[in-house]
């Protein structure tokens, strides 16, 4: 009698496990890769630029905004993410030494970088933190 009950319980447990395995919905897997956003300041022959790179871009729009230390908007650019890797460069050669914020907003990520531009005699230095 004990053997019959043990066998029936084992068969029942296996039936439940196999039903659970076959009932699993594999179509609901989501792409968990998020946008990888980098923003930095470049300096080349007296010209200051802001480079923004968005890797693994998802569909939708992105916005790049540059603020001065007082919070005033110096530049705003909105664009559609039309490829998986987006490269943008903004020339801001007339910007004075000081502190700035570069903010990049995409569908999945918002990145904010603080940049300090300092004058060192004949050239402008960029320090990101």
Foldseek 3Di string as FASTA:
>chain_A
DVVVVVVVVVVVVVVVVVVVVVPDDPVPDDDPDDKDKDWFWDDDPLWIKIKIKIAQADFDKKKKWKAFPVRDTPDIDMDTPPDRMDIDMGIDSVDDFHKMKIWMDGPGDIDIKIWGWDDDVPHIDIDID
